[in-house]
C-alpha atoms as a PDB file:
ATOM      1  CA  MET A   1       0.013   0.001   0.053  1.00  0.00           C
ATOM      2  CA  ILE A   2       1.401   3.569  -0.844  1.00  0.00           C
ATOM      3  CA  ASN A   3       0.699   5.940   1.940  1.00  0.00           C
ATOM      4  CA  ILE A   4       0.906   9.631   1.543  1.00  0.00           C
ATOM      5  CA  PRO A   5       0.319  10.849   5.127  1.00  0.00           C
ATOM      6  CA  TYR A   6       3.939  12.019   5.710  1.00  0.00           C
ATOM      7  CA  ASP A   7       3.937  10.483   9.452  1.00  0.00           C
ATOM      8  CA  CYS A   8       7.254   8.939  10.312  1.00  0.00           C
ATOM      9  CA  PRO A   9       6.647   5.199  10.843  1.00  0.00           C
ATOM     10  CA  ARG A  10       9.083   5.252  13.509  1.00  0.00           C
ATOM     11  CA  GLY A  11       7.516   8.359  15.244  1.00  0.00           C
ATOM     12  CA  ARG A  12      10.477  10.421  14.717  1.00  0.00           C
ATOM     13  CA  GLU A  13       9.959  14.118  14.623  1.00  0.00           C
ATOM     14  CA  ASP A  14      13.626  14.913  13.166  1.00  0.00           C
ATOM     15  CA  CYS A  15      12.734  13.304   9.868  1.00  0.00           C
ATOM     16  CA  ARG A  16       9.819  14.037   7.385  1.00  0.00           C
ATOM     17  CA  SER A  17       8.625  11.555   5.274  1.00  0.00           C
ATOM     18  CA  LEU A  18       8.873  12.216   1.663  1.00  0.00           C
ATOM     19  CA  SER A  19       7.773   8.678   0.147  1.00  0.00           C
ATOM     20  CA  ILE A  20       6.542   5.683   2.000  1.00  0.00           C
ATOM     21  CA  ILE A  21       5.472   2.384   1.204  1.00  0.00           C
ATOM     22  CA  LYS A  22       4.169   0.217   4.173  1.00  0.00           C
ATOM     23  CA  SER A  23       2.184  -2.869   4.800  1.00  0.00           C
ATOM     24  CA  ASP A  24      -1.574  -2.320   6.006  1.00  0.00           C
ATOM     25  CA  SER A  25      -0.514  -3.383   9.574  1.00  0.00           C
ATOM     26  CA  GLY A  26       2.380  -0.862   9.578  1.00  0.00           C
ATOM     27  CA  GLU A  27       4.744  -3.499  10.685  1.00  0.00           C
ATOM     28  CA  THR A  28       7.023  -3.381   7.665  1.00  0.00           C
ATOM     29  CA  PHE A  29       7.722  -0.396   5.736  1.00  0.00           C
ATOM     30  CA  PHE A  30      10.228   1.383   3.400  1.00  0.00           C
ATOM     31  CA  CYS A  31      10.408   4.919   3.659  1.00  0.00           C
ATOM     32  CA  CYS A  32      12.699   7.930   2.466  1.00  0.00           C
ATOM     33  CA  GLY A  33      12.668  11.162   4.492  1.00  0.00           C
ATOM     34  CA  GLU A  34      14.131  14.543   4.766  1.00  0.00           C
ATOM     35  CA  ASN A  35      16.059  15.255   7.889  1.00  0.00           C
ATOM     36  CA  ASN A  36      15.529  18.359   9.850  1.00  0.00           C
ATOM     37  CA  GLY A  37      18.105  18.240  12.600  1.00  0.00           C
ATOM     38  CA  GLY A  38      18.420  14.289  12.806  1.00  0.00           C
ATOM     39  CA  PRO A  39      21.114  12.045  13.842  1.00  0.00           C
ATOM     40  CA  ALA A  40      23.001  11.792  10.544  1.00  0.00           C
ATOM     41  CA  PRO A  41      26.437  11.381  11.070  1.00  0.00           C
ATOM     42  CA  ILE A  42      27.703  13.519   8.129  1.00  0.00           C
ATOM     43  CA  SER A  43      25.984  17.093   7.985  1.00  0.00           C
ATOM     44  CA  GLY A  44      25.510  16.719   4.391  1.00  0.00           C
ATOM     45  CA  ASP A  45      23.527  13.614   4.449  1.00  0.00           C
ATOM     46  CA  GLU A  46      20.160  15.573   4.497  1.00  0.00           C
ATOM     47  CA  TYR A  47      17.955  12.306   3.512  1.00  0.00           C
ATOM     48  CA  THR A  48      16.913   8.970   5.762  1.00  0.00           C
ATOM     49  CA  LEU A  49      16.072   5.796   4.382  1.00  0.00           C
ATOM     50  CA  CYS A  50      14.501   3.371   6.618  1.00  0.00           C
ATOM     51  CA  PHE A  51      13.598  -0.291   5.763  1.00  0.00           C
ATOM     52  CA  LYS A  52      11.629  -2.422   8.345  1.00  0.00           C
ATOM     53  CA  GLY A  53      10.752  -5.979   7.589  1.00  0.00           C
ATOM     54  CA  ASP A  54      10.066  -9.273   9.425  1.00  0.00           C
ATOM     55  CA  HIS A  55      14.024  -9.937   9.566  1.00  0.00           C
ATOM     56  CA  ARG A  56      15.859  -6.713   9.002  1.00  0.00           C
ATOM     57  CA  ASP A  57      15.516  -3.199  10.543  1.00  0.00           C
ATOM     58  CA  ASP A  58      17.769  -0.455   8.579  1.00  0.00           C
ATOM     59  CA  VAL A  59      18.362   2.799   8.996  1.00  0.00           C
ATOM     60  CA  SER A  60      20.955   4.923   6.722  1.00  0.00           C
ATOM     61  CA  TYR A  61      21.752   8.284   5.916  1.00  0.00           C
ATOM     62  CA  HIS A  62      22.292   9.860   2.322  1.00  0.00           C
ATOM     63  CA  ASP A  63      23.002  12.774   0.301  1.00  0.00           C
ATOM     64  CA  LYS A  64      20.965  13.690  -3.094  1.00  0.00           C
ATOM     65  CA  ARG A  65      23.563  11.769  -4.871  1.00  0.00           C
ATOM     66  CA  ASP A  66      23.564   8.766  -2.830  1.00  0.00           C
ATOM     67  CA  LEU A  67      19.993   8.767  -3.357  1.00  0.00           C
ATOM     68  CA  VAL A  68      20.162   9.097  -7.289  1.00  0.00           C
ATOM     69  CA  HIS A  69      22.968   6.409  -7.416  1.00  0.00           C
ATOM     70  CA  ASN A  70      21.041   3.862  -5.323  1.00  0.00           C
ATOM     71  CA  ALA A  71      17.889   4.432  -7.794  1.00  0.00           C
ATOM     72  CA  ALA A  72      20.192   4.105 -10.702  1.00  0.00           C
ATOM     73  CA  VAL A  73      21.676   0.944  -9.441  1.00  0.00           C
ATOM     74  CA  ILE A  74      18.452  -0.736  -8.818  1.00  0.00           C
ATOM     75  CA  VAL A  75      16.662   0.197 -11.997  1.00  0.00           C
ATOM     76  CA  GLN A  76      19.772  -1.000 -14.055  1.00  0.00           C
ATOM     77  CA  ALA A  77      19.486  -4.565 -11.723  1.00  0.00           C
ATOM     78  CA  LEU A  78      16.149  -4.782 -12.843  1.00  0.00           C
ATOM     79  CA  ALA A  79      16.513  -3.858 -16.390  1.00  0.00           C
ATOM     80  CA  VAL A  80      19.130  -6.880 -16.678  1.00  0.00           C
ATOM     81  CA  ILE A  81      17.049  -9.184 -14.931  1.00  0.00           C
ATOM     82  CA  GLN A  82      13.656  -8.149 -16.640  1.00  0.00           C
ATOM     83  CA  ARG A  83      12.469 -10.950 -19.050  1.00  0.00           C
ATOM     84  CA  ASP A  84       9.016 -11.007 -19.551  1.00  0.00           C
ATOM     85  CA  TYR A  85       5.628 -11.466 -17.491  1.00  0.00           C
ATOM     86  CA  ASN A  86       5.514 -15.017 -18.034  1.00  0.00           C
ATOM     87  CA  GLU A  87       5.731 -16.499 -14.472  1.00  0.00           C
ATOM     88  CA  ASP A  88       7.378 -19.624 -16.269  1.00  0.00           C
ATOM     89  CA  SER A  89      10.446 -17.987 -17.434  1.00  0.00           C
ATOM     90  CA  ASP A  90      13.785 -17.735 -16.013  1.00  0.00           C
ATOM     91  CA  TRP A  91      14.220 -14.377 -14.397  1.00  0.00           C
ATOM     92  CA  SER A  92      17.718 -14.917 -13.828  1.00  0.00           C
ATOM     93  CA  ALA A  93      20.220 -12.371 -15.394  1.00  0.00           C
ATOM     94  CA  TRP A  94      22.714 -15.046 -16.427  1.00  0.00           C
ATOM     95  CA  SER A  95      20.401 -18.000 -17.085  1.00  0.00           C
ATOM     96  CA  ASP A  96      21.495 -18.006 -20.806  1.00  0.00           C
ATOM     97  CA  LEU A  97      25.347 -18.281 -19.694  1.00  0.00           C
END
């Protein structure tokens, strides 16, 4: 579920959520927010990425370049593994090797 109320799922007040996808229960989520005095270890890291799942709970701090590079690497990886929407096909990027 894409959720646009910009409330921090962790209840933090030092980071404003810019984009969030979370489960209906709110127990798992992926969020990108803008720091406003938060605990980023490097002053140029204006953004926080949070991921909380059943087996992982991560918080990381980034500048704009970091966010762009993360997005570019993920999109490129998806382009490499994308085959088609036939569920029976092998989605492995290296299946032809």
